[in-house]
Amino acid sequence: MKVKVAIIALLAFVGLFLLNKSMNEKKEYIPGIPASDTPTAAAVREKFTVGFLPVT
């Protein structure tokens, strides 16, 4: 029984490792050009500043 649980746990660990590895690869629709290196909206958000004006 312990051997079966150990084998199932090992297979689950290897499966999750391979799933993580495949999902972390950058997508390339055209070879050499990453699909989403930096989103275009991120550049605008970096410059955006929010201020707080108290109402009296």
N, C-alpha and C. Protein backbone atom coordinates (compact mmCIF):
# COMPACT_ATOMS: atom_id res chain seq x y z
N MET A 1 0.81 -1.19 0.00
CA MET A 1 0.00 0.00 0.00
C MET A 1 0.86 1.26 0.00
N LYS A 2 1.92 1.26 0.82
CA LYS A 2 2.80 2.42 0.88
C LYS A 2 3.53 2.62 -0.44
N VAL A 3 3.84 1.52 -1.11
CA VAL A 3 4.54 1.61 -2.39
C VAL A 3 3.63 2.25 -3.44
N LYS A 4 2.36 1.88 -3.45
CA LYS A 4 1.41 2.45 -4.40
C LYS A 4 1.26 3.96 -4.18
N VAL A 5 1.15 4.36 -2.92
CA VAL A 5 1.02 5.79 -2.61
C VAL A 5 2.28 6.53 -3.01
N ALA A 6 3.44 5.95 -2.78
CA ALA A 6 4.70 6.59 -3.15
C ALA A 6 4.82 6.73 -4.67
N ILE A 7 4.40 5.72 -5.40
CA ILE A 7 4.46 5.77 -6.87
C ILE A 7 3.49 6.83 -7.40
N ILE A 8 2.28 6.87 -6.85
CA ILE A 8 1.31 7.88 -7.29
C ILE A 8 1.81 9.28 -6.97
N ALA A 9 2.39 9.48 -5.80
CA ALA A 9 2.92 10.79 -5.43
C ALA A 9 4.07 11.18 -6.35
N LEU A 10 4.94 10.24 -6.69
CA LEU A 10 6.06 10.52 -7.58
C LEU A 10 5.56 10.88 -8.98
N LEU A 11 4.58 10.14 -9.49
CA LEU A 11 4.02 10.44 -10.80
C LEU A 11 3.32 11.80 -10.81
N ALA A 12 2.63 12.13 -9.74
CA ALA A 12 1.97 13.43 -9.65
C ALA A 12 3.00 14.55 -9.62
N PHE A 13 4.09 14.35 -8.89
CA PHE A 13 5.15 15.36 -8.81
C PHE A 13 5.79 15.58 -10.18
N VAL A 14 6.11 14.50 -10.87
CA VAL A 14 6.72 14.61 -12.20
C VAL A 14 5.75 15.27 -13.17
N GLY A 15 4.48 14.89 -13.11
CA GLY A 15 3.47 15.48 -13.98
C GLY A 15 3.31 16.98 -13.75
N LEU A 16 3.27 17.40 -12.48
CA LEU A 16 3.16 18.82 -12.18
C LEU A 16 4.41 19.58 -12.60
N PHE A 17 5.58 18.96 -12.46
CA PHE A 17 6.82 19.59 -12.90
C PHE A 17 6.81 19.84 -14.40
N LEU A 18 6.40 18.83 -15.17
CA LEU A 18 6.36 18.97 -16.62
C LEU A 18 5.29 19.98 -17.06
N LEU A 19 4.16 20.01 -16.35
CA LEU A 19 3.11 20.98 -16.66
C LEU A 19 3.61 22.40 -16.40
N ASN A 20 4.30 22.59 -15.29
CA ASN A 20 4.86 23.91 -14.96
C ASN A 20 5.89 24.34 -15.99
N LYS A 21 6.73 23.40 -16.40
CA LYS A 21 7.77 23.72 -17.38
C LYS A 21 7.15 24.11 -18.72
N SER A 22 6.12 23.40 -19.15
CA SER A 22 5.50 23.71 -20.44
C SER A 22 4.72 25.01 -20.40
N MET A 23 4.11 25.35 -19.26
CA MET A 23 3.33 26.58 -19.17
C MET A 23 4.21 27.82 -19.01
N ASN A 24 5.45 27.65 -18.53
CA ASN A 24 6.33 28.80 -18.33
C ASN A 24 7.11 29.18 -19.58
N GLU A 25 7.04 28.37 -20.63
CA GLU A 25 7.74 28.72 -21.86
C GLU A 25 7.02 29.89 -22.53
N LYS A 26 7.79 30.82 -23.09
CA LYS A 26 7.18 31.95 -23.79
C LYS A 26 6.62 31.47 -25.12
N LYS A 27 5.43 31.96 -25.44
CA LYS A 27 4.80 31.61 -26.72
C LYS A 27 5.46 32.40 -27.83
N GLU A 28 5.67 31.76 -28.95
CA GLU A 28 6.23 32.41 -30.13
C GLU A 28 5.38 32.05 -31.34
N TYR A 29 4.67 33.03 -31.87
CA TYR A 29 3.88 32.80 -33.06
C TYR A 29 4.75 32.95 -34.31
N ILE A 30 5.70 33.90 -34.24
CA ILE A 30 6.69 34.07 -35.29
C ILE A 30 8.03 33.74 -34.65
N PRO A 31 8.83 32.82 -35.21
CA PRO A 31 10.08 32.43 -34.57
C PRO A 31 10.99 33.63 -34.30
N GLY A 32 11.48 33.70 -33.06
CA GLY A 32 12.38 34.77 -32.67
C GLY A 32 11.70 35.98 -32.07
N ILE A 33 10.36 36.04 -32.15
CA ILE A 33 9.64 37.19 -31.60
C ILE A 33 8.67 36.68 -30.54
N PRO A 34 8.91 37.02 -29.26
CA PRO A 34 7.99 36.57 -28.22
C PRO A 34 6.62 37.22 -28.36
N ALA A 35 5.58 36.48 -28.06
CA ALA A 35 4.22 36.96 -28.27
C ALA A 35 3.87 38.07 -27.28
N SER A 36 4.29 37.94 -26.06
CA SER A 36 3.92 38.96 -25.06
C SER A 36 5.11 39.22 -24.15
N ASP A 37 6.09 39.92 -24.66
CA ASP A 37 7.27 40.24 -23.87
C ASP A 37 6.91 41.26 -22.80
N THR A 38 6.42 42.40 -23.19
CA THR A 38 5.91 43.40 -22.26
C THR A 38 4.59 43.92 -22.82
N PRO A 39 3.53 43.88 -22.04
CA PRO A 39 2.25 44.37 -22.52
C PRO A 39 2.30 45.87 -22.78
N THR A 40 1.55 46.32 -23.77
CA THR A 40 1.56 47.74 -24.10
C THR A 40 0.93 48.57 -23.00
N ALA A 41 -0.03 48.04 -22.27
CA ALA A 41 -0.68 48.79 -21.20
C ALA A 41 0.26 48.98 -20.01
N ALA A 42 1.25 48.12 -19.84
CA ALA A 42 2.15 48.23 -18.68
C ALA A 42 2.97 49.51 -18.75
N ALA A 43 3.34 49.95 -19.94
CA ALA A 43 4.14 51.17 -20.05
C ALA A 43 3.33 52.37 -19.57
N VAL A 44 2.03 52.40 -19.83
CA VAL A 44 1.19 53.50 -19.39
C VAL A 44 1.01 53.44 -17.88
N ARG A 45 0.84 52.26 -17.34
CA ARG A 45 0.62 52.11 -15.91
C ARG A 45 1.84 52.50 -15.09
N GLU A 46 3.03 52.34 -15.66
CA GLU A 46 4.24 52.72 -14.93
C GLU A 46 4.28 54.22 -14.69
N LYS A 47 3.75 55.03 -15.61
CA LYS A 47 3.80 56.48 -15.51
C LYS A 47 2.60 57.05 -14.76
N PHE A 48 1.58 56.25 -14.55
CA PHE A 48 0.34 56.72 -13.94
C PHE A 48 0.54 56.87 -12.43
N THR A 49 0.21 58.04 -11.89
CA THR A 49 0.33 58.29 -10.45
C THR A 49 -1.04 58.66 -9.91
N VAL A 50 -1.38 58.02 -8.80
CA VAL A 50 -2.67 58.29 -8.15
C VAL A 50 -2.40 59.14 -6.93
N GLY A 51 -3.11 60.24 -6.80
CA GLY A 51 -2.97 61.09 -5.63
C GLY A 51 -4.25 61.09 -4.81
N PHE A 52 -4.15 61.55 -3.58
CA PHE A 52 -5.31 61.60 -2.70
C PHE A 52 -5.51 63.05 -2.26
N LEU A 53 -6.69 63.57 -2.53
CA LEU A 53 -7.03 64.92 -2.10
C LEU A 53 -8.12 64.83 -1.05
N PRO A 54 -7.79 65.18 0.18
CA PRO A 54 -8.83 65.09 1.23
C PRO A 54 -9.89 66.17 1.05
N VAL A 55 -11.11 65.80 1.32
CA VAL A 55 -12.22 66.74 1.20
C VAL A 55 -12.49 67.33 2.58
N THR A 56 -12.48 68.65 2.66
CA THR A 56 -12.70 69.29 3.98
C THR A 56 -14.02 70.02 4.01
